[in-house]
N, C-alpha and C. Protein backbone atom coordinates (compact mmCIF):
# COMPACT_ATOMS: atom_id res chain seq x y z
N UNK A 1 37.47 -8.08 -39.07
CA UNK A 1 37.39 -9.04 -37.98
C UNK A 1 37.26 -8.38 -36.61
N UNK A 2 38.00 -7.27 -36.32
CA UNK A 2 37.86 -6.69 -34.98
C UNK A 2 36.44 -6.17 -34.71
N UNK A 3 35.76 -5.67 -35.76
CA UNK A 3 34.39 -5.19 -35.57
C UNK A 3 33.46 -6.34 -35.19
N UNK A 4 33.73 -7.48 -35.74
CA UNK A 4 32.90 -8.65 -35.44
C UNK A 4 33.02 -9.02 -33.96
N UNK A 5 34.24 -8.98 -33.41
CA UNK A 5 34.43 -9.27 -31.99
C UNK A 5 33.75 -8.23 -31.11
N UNK A 6 33.79 -6.96 -31.53
CA UNK A 6 33.12 -5.89 -30.78
C UNK A 6 31.61 -6.13 -30.78
N UNK A 7 31.05 -6.45 -31.95
CA UNK A 7 29.61 -6.70 -32.04
C UNK A 7 29.19 -7.92 -31.22
N UNK A 8 30.00 -8.95 -31.25
CA UNK A 8 29.72 -10.14 -30.44
C UNK A 8 29.76 -9.78 -28.96
N UNK A 9 30.75 -8.97 -28.55
CA UNK A 9 30.84 -8.53 -27.15
C UNK A 9 29.65 -7.70 -26.74
N UNK A 10 29.21 -6.75 -27.60
CA UNK A 10 28.03 -5.94 -27.30
C UNK A 10 26.79 -6.82 -27.20
N UNK A 11 26.67 -7.77 -28.13
CA UNK A 11 25.53 -8.70 -28.10
C UNK A 11 25.52 -9.53 -26.83
N UNK A 12 26.69 -9.98 -26.38
CA UNK A 12 26.78 -10.78 -25.16
C UNK A 12 26.38 -9.96 -23.94
N UNK A 13 26.83 -8.69 -23.90
CA UNK A 13 26.47 -7.81 -22.77
C UNK A 13 24.96 -7.57 -22.75
N UNK A 14 24.37 -7.29 -23.92
CA UNK A 14 22.92 -7.08 -24.00
C UNK A 14 22.15 -8.33 -23.59
N UNK A 15 22.61 -9.49 -24.04
CA UNK A 15 21.96 -10.75 -23.66
C UNK A 15 22.04 -10.96 -22.15
N UNK A 16 23.20 -10.65 -21.57
CA UNK A 16 23.36 -10.78 -20.12
C UNK A 16 22.42 -9.84 -19.38
N UNK A 17 22.30 -8.60 -19.85
CA UNK A 17 21.37 -7.64 -19.23
C UNK A 17 19.93 -8.14 -19.30
N UNK A 18 19.54 -8.68 -20.45
CA UNK A 18 18.18 -9.22 -20.61
C UNK A 18 17.95 -10.38 -19.65
N UNK A 19 18.93 -11.27 -19.53
CA UNK A 19 18.81 -12.40 -18.60
C UNK A 19 18.68 -11.90 -17.17
N UNK A 20 19.43 -10.87 -16.79
CA UNK A 20 19.36 -10.32 -15.43
C UNK A 20 17.98 -9.70 -15.17
N UNK A 21 17.48 -8.91 -16.12
CA UNK A 21 16.17 -8.27 -15.95
C UNK A 21 15.06 -9.32 -15.86
N UNK A 22 15.06 -10.27 -16.77
CA UNK A 22 14.03 -11.32 -16.77
C UNK A 22 14.15 -12.17 -15.51
N UNK A 23 15.38 -12.51 -15.14
CA UNK A 23 15.58 -13.30 -13.92
C UNK A 23 15.09 -12.57 -12.67
N UNK A 24 15.37 -11.27 -12.59
CA UNK A 24 14.89 -10.47 -11.45
C UNK A 24 13.37 -10.42 -11.43
N UNK A 25 12.77 -10.22 -12.60
CA UNK A 25 11.30 -10.18 -12.72
C UNK A 25 10.69 -11.49 -12.20
N UNK A 26 11.24 -12.59 -12.61
CA UNK A 26 10.72 -13.90 -12.18
C UNK A 26 11.01 -14.11 -10.70
N UNK A 27 12.22 -13.78 -10.25
CA UNK A 27 12.61 -14.00 -8.86
C UNK A 27 11.76 -13.20 -7.88
N UNK A 28 11.40 -11.95 -8.22
CA UNK A 28 10.62 -11.12 -7.29
C UNK A 28 9.28 -11.75 -6.94
N UNK A 29 8.74 -12.59 -7.82
CA UNK A 29 7.45 -13.21 -7.56
C UNK A 29 7.59 -14.59 -6.91
N UNK A 30 8.78 -14.90 -6.36
CA UNK A 30 8.99 -16.14 -5.62
C UNK A 30 8.97 -15.82 -4.13
N UNK A 31 8.99 -16.85 -3.28
CA UNK A 31 9.00 -16.62 -1.84
C UNK A 31 10.17 -15.76 -1.40
N UNK A 32 11.37 -16.05 -1.89
CA UNK A 32 12.53 -15.26 -1.47
C UNK A 32 12.44 -13.83 -2.02
N UNK A 33 11.88 -13.66 -3.20
CA UNK A 33 11.70 -12.31 -3.76
C UNK A 33 10.70 -11.50 -2.94
N UNK A 34 9.61 -12.15 -2.52
CA UNK A 34 8.61 -11.46 -1.68
C UNK A 34 9.20 -11.13 -0.31
N UNK A 35 10.06 -12.01 0.24
CA UNK A 35 10.74 -11.70 1.50
C UNK A 35 11.67 -10.49 1.33
N UNK A 36 12.34 -10.41 0.21
CA UNK A 36 13.18 -9.26 -0.10
C UNK A 36 12.35 -7.98 -0.12
N UNK A 37 11.16 -8.03 -0.76
CA UNK A 37 10.28 -6.86 -0.80
C UNK A 37 9.81 -6.50 0.61
N UNK A 38 9.48 -7.51 1.43
CA UNK A 38 9.07 -7.25 2.81
C UNK A 38 10.15 -6.50 3.58
N UNK A 39 11.41 -6.91 3.40
CA UNK A 39 12.52 -6.24 4.10
C UNK A 39 12.64 -4.79 3.64
N UNK A 40 12.43 -4.55 2.36
CA UNK A 40 12.51 -3.18 1.86
C UNK A 40 11.34 -2.33 2.35
N UNK A 41 10.15 -2.92 2.44
CA UNK A 41 9.01 -2.19 2.99
C UNK A 41 9.29 -1.86 4.45
N UNK A 42 9.84 -2.82 5.19
CA UNK A 42 10.12 -2.62 6.62
C UNK A 42 11.16 -1.53 6.86
N UNK A 43 12.04 -1.30 5.92
CA UNK A 43 13.07 -0.28 6.10
C UNK A 43 12.59 1.11 5.70
N UNK A 44 11.39 1.19 5.14
CA UNK A 44 10.85 2.47 4.67
C UNK A 44 10.12 3.18 5.81
N UNK A 45 10.37 4.47 5.96
CA UNK A 45 9.69 5.28 6.97
C UNK A 45 9.27 6.59 6.33
N UNK A 46 8.01 6.97 6.55
CA UNK A 46 7.53 8.24 6.04
C UNK A 46 8.19 9.38 6.80
N UNK A 47 8.17 10.56 6.24
CA UNK A 47 8.79 11.72 6.86
C UNK A 47 8.19 12.01 8.24
N UNK A 48 6.90 11.69 8.42
CA UNK A 48 6.25 11.95 9.71
C UNK A 48 6.48 10.84 10.74
N UNK A 49 7.31 9.85 10.40
CA UNK A 49 7.67 8.80 11.35
C UNK A 49 6.85 7.53 11.27
N UNK A 50 5.86 7.48 10.40
CA UNK A 50 5.02 6.28 10.26
C UNK A 50 5.80 5.20 9.51
N UNK A 51 5.74 3.99 10.05
CA UNK A 51 6.36 2.82 9.42
C UNK A 51 5.27 1.80 9.11
N UNK A 52 5.36 1.22 7.94
CA UNK A 52 4.40 0.19 7.54
C UNK A 52 5.14 -1.13 7.45
N UNK A 53 4.58 -2.17 8.06
CA UNK A 53 5.19 -3.50 8.04
C UNK A 53 4.20 -4.50 7.46
N UNK A 54 4.74 -5.45 6.73
CA UNK A 54 3.95 -6.56 6.17
C UNK A 54 4.68 -7.84 6.56
N UNK A 55 3.98 -8.75 7.24
CA UNK A 55 4.62 -10.00 7.66
C UNK A 55 4.88 -10.93 6.48
N UNK A 56 3.94 -10.96 5.52
CA UNK A 56 4.08 -11.91 4.41
C UNK A 56 3.24 -11.44 3.23
N UNK A 57 3.71 -11.74 2.04
CA UNK A 57 2.97 -11.46 0.81
C UNK A 57 2.62 -12.80 0.17
N UNK A 58 1.33 -12.98 -0.13
CA UNK A 58 0.88 -14.20 -0.82
C UNK A 58 0.34 -13.80 -2.19
N UNK A 59 0.36 -14.73 -3.13
CA UNK A 59 -0.13 -14.45 -4.47
C UNK A 59 0.96 -13.82 -5.31
N UNK A 60 0.55 -13.16 -6.37
CA UNK A 60 1.50 -12.58 -7.31
C UNK A 60 1.64 -11.08 -7.08
N UNK A 61 2.87 -10.61 -6.93
CA UNK A 61 3.09 -9.17 -6.76
C UNK A 61 2.77 -8.42 -8.05
N UNK A 62 2.55 -9.15 -9.14
CA UNK A 62 2.26 -8.52 -10.42
C UNK A 62 0.76 -8.48 -10.72
N UNK A 63 -0.07 -8.67 -9.73
CA UNK A 63 -1.51 -8.63 -9.98
C UNK A 63 -2.30 -8.77 -8.71
N UNK A 64 -2.77 -9.96 -8.45
CA UNK A 64 -3.65 -10.22 -7.32
C UNK A 64 -2.82 -10.78 -6.16
N UNK A 65 -2.69 -9.98 -5.09
CA UNK A 65 -1.88 -10.42 -3.95
C UNK A 65 -2.61 -10.16 -2.64
N UNK A 66 -2.14 -10.85 -1.63
CA UNK A 66 -2.68 -10.70 -0.27
C UNK A 66 -1.53 -10.37 0.66
N UNK A 67 -1.67 -9.27 1.39
CA UNK A 67 -0.69 -8.88 2.40
C UNK A 67 -1.18 -9.41 3.74
N UNK A 68 -0.32 -10.11 4.46
CA UNK A 68 -0.69 -10.73 5.73
C UNK A 68 -0.06 -9.95 6.87
N UNK A 69 -0.85 -9.69 7.92
CA UNK A 69 -0.40 -8.98 9.13
C UNK A 69 0.26 -7.65 8.81
N UNK A 70 -0.55 -6.73 8.32
CA UNK A 70 -0.09 -5.39 7.99
C UNK A 70 -0.22 -4.52 9.23
N UNK A 71 0.84 -3.80 9.59
CA UNK A 71 0.79 -2.92 10.75
C UNK A 71 1.32 -1.54 10.38
N UNK A 72 0.81 -0.55 11.09
CA UNK A 72 1.32 0.81 10.99
C UNK A 72 1.81 1.18 12.39
N UNK A 73 3.04 1.73 12.45
CA UNK A 73 3.64 2.03 13.75
C UNK A 73 4.26 3.41 13.73
N UNK A 74 4.40 3.97 14.94
CA UNK A 74 5.11 5.22 15.14
C UNK A 74 6.21 4.96 16.16
N UNK A 75 6.74 6.00 16.77
CA UNK A 75 7.83 5.83 17.74
C UNK A 75 7.39 5.04 18.96
N UNK A 76 6.10 5.04 19.30
CA UNK A 76 5.57 4.31 20.46
C UNK A 76 5.23 2.85 20.14
N UNK A 77 5.14 2.52 18.85
CA UNK A 77 4.78 1.16 18.46
C UNK A 77 3.58 1.12 17.53
N UNK A 78 2.96 -0.04 17.42
CA UNK A 78 1.85 -0.25 16.49
C UNK A 78 0.60 0.49 16.98
N UNK A 79 -0.03 1.22 16.07
CA UNK A 79 -1.29 1.90 16.40
C UNK A 79 -2.44 1.46 15.50
N UNK A 80 -2.15 0.77 14.39
CA UNK A 80 -3.20 0.26 13.51
C UNK A 80 -2.72 -1.03 12.87
N UNK A 81 -3.67 -1.95 12.64
CA UNK A 81 -3.30 -3.23 12.06
C UNK A 81 -4.45 -3.82 11.27
N UNK A 82 -4.09 -4.69 10.33
CA UNK A 82 -5.08 -5.43 9.54
C UNK A 82 -4.52 -6.83 9.31
N UNK A 83 -5.28 -7.88 9.66
CA UNK A 83 -4.78 -9.25 9.45
C UNK A 83 -4.51 -9.55 7.98
N UNK A 84 -5.38 -9.06 7.08
CA UNK A 84 -5.16 -9.27 5.65
C UNK A 84 -5.58 -8.02 4.87
N UNK A 85 -4.86 -7.77 3.81
CA UNK A 85 -5.20 -6.71 2.86
C UNK A 85 -5.08 -7.34 1.47
N UNK A 86 -6.18 -7.35 0.74
CA UNK A 86 -6.21 -7.93 -0.60
C UNK A 86 -6.09 -6.82 -1.64
N UNK A 87 -5.13 -6.96 -2.54
CA UNK A 87 -4.88 -5.94 -3.56
C UNK A 87 -4.85 -6.60 -4.93
N UNK A 88 -5.62 -6.04 -5.85
CA UNK A 88 -5.54 -6.43 -7.25
C UNK A 88 -5.12 -5.17 -8.00
N UNK A 89 -3.96 -5.20 -8.65
CA UNK A 89 -3.45 -3.99 -9.28
C UNK A 89 -2.70 -4.29 -10.55
N UNK A 90 -2.36 -3.24 -11.28
CA UNK A 90 -1.62 -3.36 -12.53
C UNK A 90 -0.28 -2.66 -12.36
N UNK A 91 0.80 -3.40 -12.05
CA UNK A 91 2.09 -2.75 -11.80
C UNK A 91 2.71 -2.09 -13.02
N UNK A 92 2.27 -2.47 -14.21
CA UNK A 92 2.88 -1.93 -15.43
C UNK A 92 2.56 -0.45 -15.60
N UNK A 93 1.53 0.05 -14.95
CA UNK A 93 1.21 1.48 -15.06
C UNK A 93 2.24 2.35 -14.32
N UNK A 94 3.05 1.73 -13.47
CA UNK A 94 4.11 2.49 -12.80
C UNK A 94 5.07 3.12 -13.80
N UNK A 95 5.22 2.49 -14.95
CA UNK A 95 6.09 3.04 -15.99
C UNK A 95 5.59 4.38 -16.50
N UNK A 96 4.30 4.66 -16.28
CA UNK A 96 3.69 5.91 -16.72
C UNK A 96 3.38 6.84 -15.53
N UNK A 97 4.08 6.60 -14.40
CA UNK A 97 3.89 7.43 -13.20
C UNK A 97 2.45 7.34 -12.70
N UNK A 98 1.92 6.14 -12.71
CA UNK A 98 0.52 5.91 -12.34
C UNK A 98 0.41 4.62 -11.54
N UNK A 99 -0.29 4.67 -10.43
CA UNK A 99 -0.59 3.48 -9.65
C UNK A 99 -2.06 3.17 -9.89
N UNK A 100 -2.34 2.03 -10.50
CA UNK A 100 -3.71 1.65 -10.83
C UNK A 100 -4.10 0.41 -10.04
N UNK A 101 -4.91 0.61 -9.00
CA UNK A 101 -5.37 -0.48 -8.15
C UNK A 101 -6.82 -0.77 -8.52
N UNK A 102 -7.05 -1.97 -9.03
CA UNK A 102 -8.40 -2.37 -9.41
C UNK A 102 -9.28 -2.50 -8.18
N UNK A 103 -8.75 -3.18 -7.15
CA UNK A 103 -9.51 -3.30 -5.90
C UNK A 103 -8.55 -3.39 -4.71
N UNK A 104 -8.96 -2.73 -3.64
CA UNK A 104 -8.25 -2.76 -2.36
C UNK A 104 -9.29 -3.17 -1.33
N UNK A 105 -9.18 -4.40 -0.83
CA UNK A 105 -10.17 -4.96 0.07
C UNK A 105 -9.52 -5.28 1.42
N UNK A 106 -10.06 -4.66 2.47
CA UNK A 106 -9.57 -4.90 3.82
C UNK A 106 -10.75 -5.47 4.62
N UNK A 107 -10.75 -6.79 4.86
CA UNK A 107 -11.88 -7.39 5.58
C UNK A 107 -12.05 -6.83 7.00
N UNK A 108 -10.94 -6.63 7.72
CA UNK A 108 -11.04 -6.06 9.07
C UNK A 108 -9.73 -5.37 9.42
N UNK A 109 -9.87 -4.32 10.23
CA UNK A 109 -8.70 -3.57 10.69
C UNK A 109 -9.02 -3.03 12.08
N UNK A 110 -7.98 -2.63 12.78
CA UNK A 110 -8.13 -2.12 14.15
C UNK A 110 -7.21 -0.93 14.33
N UNK A 111 -7.76 0.13 14.92
CA UNK A 111 -6.96 1.30 15.29
C UNK A 111 -7.02 1.41 16.80
N UNK A 112 -5.86 1.23 17.47
CA UNK A 112 -5.85 1.15 18.93
C UNK A 112 -5.61 2.49 19.61
N UNK A 113 -4.98 3.43 18.87
CA UNK A 113 -4.72 4.76 19.44
C UNK A 113 -4.37 5.71 18.30
N UNK A 114 -4.31 6.99 18.64
CA UNK A 114 -3.90 7.97 17.63
C UNK A 114 -2.39 7.88 17.44
N UNK A 115 -1.93 8.07 16.20
CA UNK A 115 -0.47 8.00 15.97
C UNK A 115 0.24 9.23 16.54
N UNK A 116 1.47 9.03 16.94
CA UNK A 116 2.34 10.11 17.38
C UNK A 116 3.22 10.48 16.19
N UNK A 117 2.89 11.59 15.54
CA UNK A 117 3.59 11.97 14.32
C UNK A 117 4.75 12.90 14.63
N UNK A 118 5.84 12.72 13.89
CA UNK A 118 6.96 13.64 14.00
C UNK A 118 6.56 14.98 13.38
N UNK A 119 7.10 16.04 13.91
CA UNK A 119 6.84 17.35 13.33
C UNK A 119 7.63 17.46 12.03
N UNK A 120 6.91 17.78 10.97
CA UNK A 120 7.52 17.92 9.65
C UNK A 120 7.65 19.41 9.38
N UNK A 121 8.85 19.88 9.09
CA UNK A 121 9.02 21.32 8.85
C UNK A 121 8.16 21.78 7.67
N UNK A 122 7.67 23.01 7.73
CA UNK A 122 6.87 23.53 6.61
C UNK A 122 7.66 23.49 5.30
N UNK A 123 6.91 23.28 4.23
CA UNK A 123 7.55 23.16 2.92
C UNK A 123 6.63 23.74 1.86
N UNK A 124 7.22 24.20 0.78
CA UNK A 124 6.43 24.67 -0.35
C UNK A 124 6.02 23.52 -1.26
N UNK A 125 6.49 22.33 -0.94
CA UNK A 125 6.15 21.15 -1.73
C UNK A 125 4.67 20.83 -1.57
N UNK A 126 4.02 20.33 -2.62
CA UNK A 126 2.61 19.93 -2.51
C UNK A 126 2.43 18.76 -1.55
N UNK A 127 1.27 18.70 -0.92
CA UNK A 127 0.97 17.63 0.02
C UNK A 127 0.85 16.29 -0.71
N UNK A 128 0.20 16.29 -1.86
CA UNK A 128 0.00 15.05 -2.61
C UNK A 128 1.16 14.82 -3.58
N UNK A 129 1.52 13.56 -3.82
CA UNK A 129 2.64 13.26 -4.72
C UNK A 129 2.30 13.58 -6.17
N UNK A 130 3.35 13.77 -6.97
CA UNK A 130 3.17 14.02 -8.39
C UNK A 130 3.09 12.69 -9.13
N UNK A 131 2.12 11.89 -8.74
CA UNK A 131 1.88 10.59 -9.35
C UNK A 131 0.38 10.38 -9.34
N UNK A 132 -0.15 9.82 -10.40
CA UNK A 132 -1.58 9.53 -10.45
C UNK A 132 -1.85 8.23 -9.71
N UNK A 133 -2.87 8.24 -8.88
CA UNK A 133 -3.25 7.04 -8.12
C UNK A 133 -4.74 6.82 -8.29
N UNK A 134 -5.10 5.64 -8.73
CA UNK A 134 -6.50 5.25 -8.85
C UNK A 134 -6.75 4.01 -8.02
N UNK A 135 -7.73 4.08 -7.14
CA UNK A 135 -8.24 2.90 -6.44
C UNK A 135 -9.69 2.79 -6.88
N UNK A 136 -9.94 1.89 -7.81
CA UNK A 136 -11.25 1.80 -8.44
C UNK A 136 -12.32 1.21 -7.52
N UNK A 137 -11.90 0.36 -6.58
CA UNK A 137 -12.85 -0.21 -5.61
C UNK A 137 -12.13 -0.35 -4.28
N UNK A 138 -12.55 0.46 -3.32
CA UNK A 138 -12.00 0.42 -1.97
C UNK A 138 -13.06 -0.13 -1.04
N UNK A 139 -12.70 -1.14 -0.26
CA UNK A 139 -13.65 -1.74 0.66
C UNK A 139 -12.97 -2.03 2.00
N UNK A 140 -13.42 -1.35 3.03
CA UNK A 140 -12.99 -1.61 4.40
C UNK A 140 -14.24 -2.10 5.12
N UNK A 141 -14.34 -3.42 5.27
CA UNK A 141 -15.59 -4.01 5.77
C UNK A 141 -15.83 -3.78 7.25
N UNK A 142 -14.74 -3.71 8.04
CA UNK A 142 -14.91 -3.54 9.49
C UNK A 142 -13.66 -2.90 10.08
N UNK A 143 -13.80 -1.67 10.54
CA UNK A 143 -12.72 -0.96 11.21
C UNK A 143 -13.13 -0.74 12.66
N UNK A 144 -12.39 -1.37 13.58
CA UNK A 144 -12.64 -1.21 15.01
C UNK A 144 -11.76 -0.06 15.49
N UNK A 145 -12.40 0.94 16.07
CA UNK A 145 -11.68 2.10 16.59
C UNK A 145 -11.79 2.03 18.12
N UNK A 146 -10.65 1.85 18.77
CA UNK A 146 -10.61 1.67 20.22
C UNK A 146 -10.88 2.98 20.96
N UNK A 147 -11.31 2.91 22.23
CA UNK A 147 -11.61 4.12 23.01
C UNK A 147 -10.45 5.11 23.11
N UNK A 148 -9.20 4.64 23.03
CA UNK A 148 -8.05 5.55 23.12
C UNK A 148 -8.02 6.55 21.97
N UNK A 149 -8.74 6.27 20.89
CA UNK A 149 -8.73 7.16 19.73
C UNK A 149 -9.73 8.29 19.92
N UNK A 150 -10.98 7.95 20.28
CA UNK A 150 -12.04 8.96 20.34
C UNK A 150 -12.74 9.06 21.70
N UNK A 151 -12.32 8.24 22.65
CA UNK A 151 -12.96 8.27 23.97
C UNK A 151 -13.97 7.17 24.18
N UNK A 152 -14.48 6.59 23.10
CA UNK A 152 -15.38 5.44 23.22
C UNK A 152 -15.21 4.56 21.98
N UNK A 153 -15.59 3.29 22.08
CA UNK A 153 -15.37 2.39 20.94
C UNK A 153 -16.32 2.69 19.77
N UNK A 154 -15.82 2.46 18.58
CA UNK A 154 -16.62 2.60 17.37
C UNK A 154 -16.26 1.46 16.43
N UNK A 155 -17.21 1.09 15.60
CA UNK A 155 -16.96 0.15 14.52
C UNK A 155 -17.58 0.76 13.27
N UNK A 156 -16.81 0.81 12.21
CA UNK A 156 -17.32 1.41 10.99
C UNK A 156 -16.94 0.59 9.76
N UNK A 157 -17.59 0.90 8.65
CA UNK A 157 -17.30 0.28 7.36
C UNK A 157 -17.24 1.38 6.32
N UNK A 158 -16.50 1.12 5.24
CA UNK A 158 -16.30 2.12 4.20
C UNK A 158 -16.20 1.44 2.85
N UNK A 159 -16.88 2.01 1.86
CA UNK A 159 -16.79 1.55 0.47
C UNK A 159 -16.64 2.78 -0.40
N UNK A 160 -15.81 2.68 -1.42
CA UNK A 160 -15.68 3.83 -2.31
C UNK A 160 -14.60 3.66 -3.34
N UNK A 161 -14.16 4.80 -3.87
CA UNK A 161 -13.08 4.83 -4.85
C UNK A 161 -12.32 6.14 -4.69
N UNK A 162 -11.05 6.12 -5.13
CA UNK A 162 -10.17 7.28 -4.97
C UNK A 162 -9.45 7.53 -6.29
N UNK A 163 -9.37 8.80 -6.65
CA UNK A 163 -8.63 9.21 -7.84
C UNK A 163 -7.77 10.41 -7.46
N UNK A 164 -6.45 10.24 -7.57
CA UNK A 164 -5.52 11.33 -7.30
C UNK A 164 -4.77 11.61 -8.59
N UNK A 165 -4.89 12.84 -9.08
CA UNK A 165 -4.20 13.25 -10.30
C UNK A 165 -3.99 14.75 -10.25
N UNK A 166 -2.92 15.21 -10.86
CA UNK A 166 -2.60 16.64 -10.90
C UNK A 166 -2.64 17.26 -9.50
N UNK A 167 -2.18 16.46 -8.52
CA UNK A 167 -2.10 16.88 -7.13
C UNK A 167 -3.46 17.27 -6.54
N UNK A 168 -4.51 16.63 -7.04
CA UNK A 168 -5.87 16.79 -6.51
C UNK A 168 -6.39 15.41 -6.16
N UNK A 169 -7.10 15.32 -5.05
CA UNK A 169 -7.69 14.04 -4.64
C UNK A 169 -9.20 14.11 -4.78
N UNK A 170 -9.75 13.12 -5.44
CA UNK A 170 -11.20 12.98 -5.54
C UNK A 170 -11.58 11.66 -4.87
N UNK A 171 -12.39 11.76 -3.85
CA UNK A 171 -12.80 10.58 -3.09
C UNK A 171 -14.31 10.48 -3.16
N UNK A 172 -14.79 9.34 -3.60
CA UNK A 172 -16.21 9.04 -3.59
C UNK A 172 -16.37 7.84 -2.67
N UNK A 173 -17.05 8.04 -1.53
CA UNK A 173 -17.13 6.95 -0.56
C UNK A 173 -18.39 7.04 0.27
N UNK A 174 -18.77 5.91 0.82
CA UNK A 174 -19.86 5.81 1.78
C UNK A 174 -19.31 5.14 3.02
N UNK A 175 -19.51 5.78 4.15
CA UNK A 175 -19.07 5.21 5.43
C UNK A 175 -20.29 5.06 6.32
N UNK A 176 -20.23 4.07 7.19
CA UNK A 176 -21.35 3.87 8.12
C UNK A 176 -20.84 3.30 9.43
N UNK A 177 -21.46 3.74 10.50
CA UNK A 177 -21.16 3.19 11.83
C UNK A 177 -21.96 1.91 11.99
N UNK A 178 -21.33 0.89 12.51
CA UNK A 178 -21.98 -0.40 12.69
C UNK A 178 -22.43 -0.52 14.13
N UNK A 179 -23.70 -0.89 14.33
CA UNK A 179 -24.25 -1.03 15.68
C UNK A 179 -23.84 -2.38 16.27
N UNK A 180 -23.77 -2.42 17.58
CA UNK A 180 -23.44 -3.65 18.28
C UNK A 180 -23.51 -3.41 19.77
N UNK A 181 -23.23 -4.42 20.60
CA UNK A 181 -23.26 -4.22 22.05
C UNK A 181 -22.32 -3.11 22.47
N UNK A 182 -22.85 -2.09 23.09
CA UNK A 182 -22.05 -0.95 23.55
C UNK A 182 -21.68 0.02 22.45
N UNK A 183 -22.25 -0.20 21.25
CA UNK A 183 -21.96 0.68 20.12
C UNK A 183 -23.23 1.32 19.62
N UNK A 184 -23.14 2.58 19.29
CA UNK A 184 -24.29 3.23 18.68
C UNK A 184 -24.04 3.29 17.18
N UNK A 185 -24.81 2.59 16.43
CA UNK A 185 -24.62 2.53 14.98
C UNK A 185 -25.66 3.35 14.26
N UNK A 186 -25.64 3.26 12.94
CA UNK A 186 -26.65 3.90 12.15
C UNK A 186 -26.20 5.19 11.49
N UNK A 187 -25.15 5.83 12.00
CA UNK A 187 -24.66 7.05 11.35
C UNK A 187 -24.04 6.69 10.01
N UNK A 188 -24.27 7.55 9.02
CA UNK A 188 -23.69 7.33 7.69
C UNK A 188 -23.06 8.63 7.19
N UNK A 189 -22.14 8.47 6.25
CA UNK A 189 -21.49 9.61 5.62
C UNK A 189 -21.29 9.26 4.16
N UNK A 190 -21.72 10.14 3.27
CA UNK A 190 -21.54 9.92 1.82
C UNK A 190 -20.61 10.99 1.27
């Protein structure tokens, strides 16, 4: 009889753990769960002082989502922003130390100045993380670069894909300068 009570207790603990995991999984894809993720993103800062903020997440964090009002800031404030960033990805690959993004689409973005980066002490650590990252389709349709960055305004577009594995980055992309009033366009980079 005592073994039966022990087995029932172990079964109850396992059932409770399963309920907590499943409940957390479901909760993260709700409005309050996405707000929780936004707060955690907002508290994250890269070693060089760059902070990334997202005002709101729409869609499913487990697949096709839209990030609203994405900003990058340094100690002086925001230096780059995008009204929307569309991401279609497979979060289950994280279990295999792999980030697999099917598509990363940024309809428009703006860079207002160069970032002020903190000095990072030299390290023997590799520059790239020990995680595989695939972006199978990258599309930045319109990037406005303000005169504070390069001395004169520029507008560019970029399409490509990125593969990072074994601490090596492979980037296949096409970039082009977009012509417009006061802009000299036509330059391309492959």
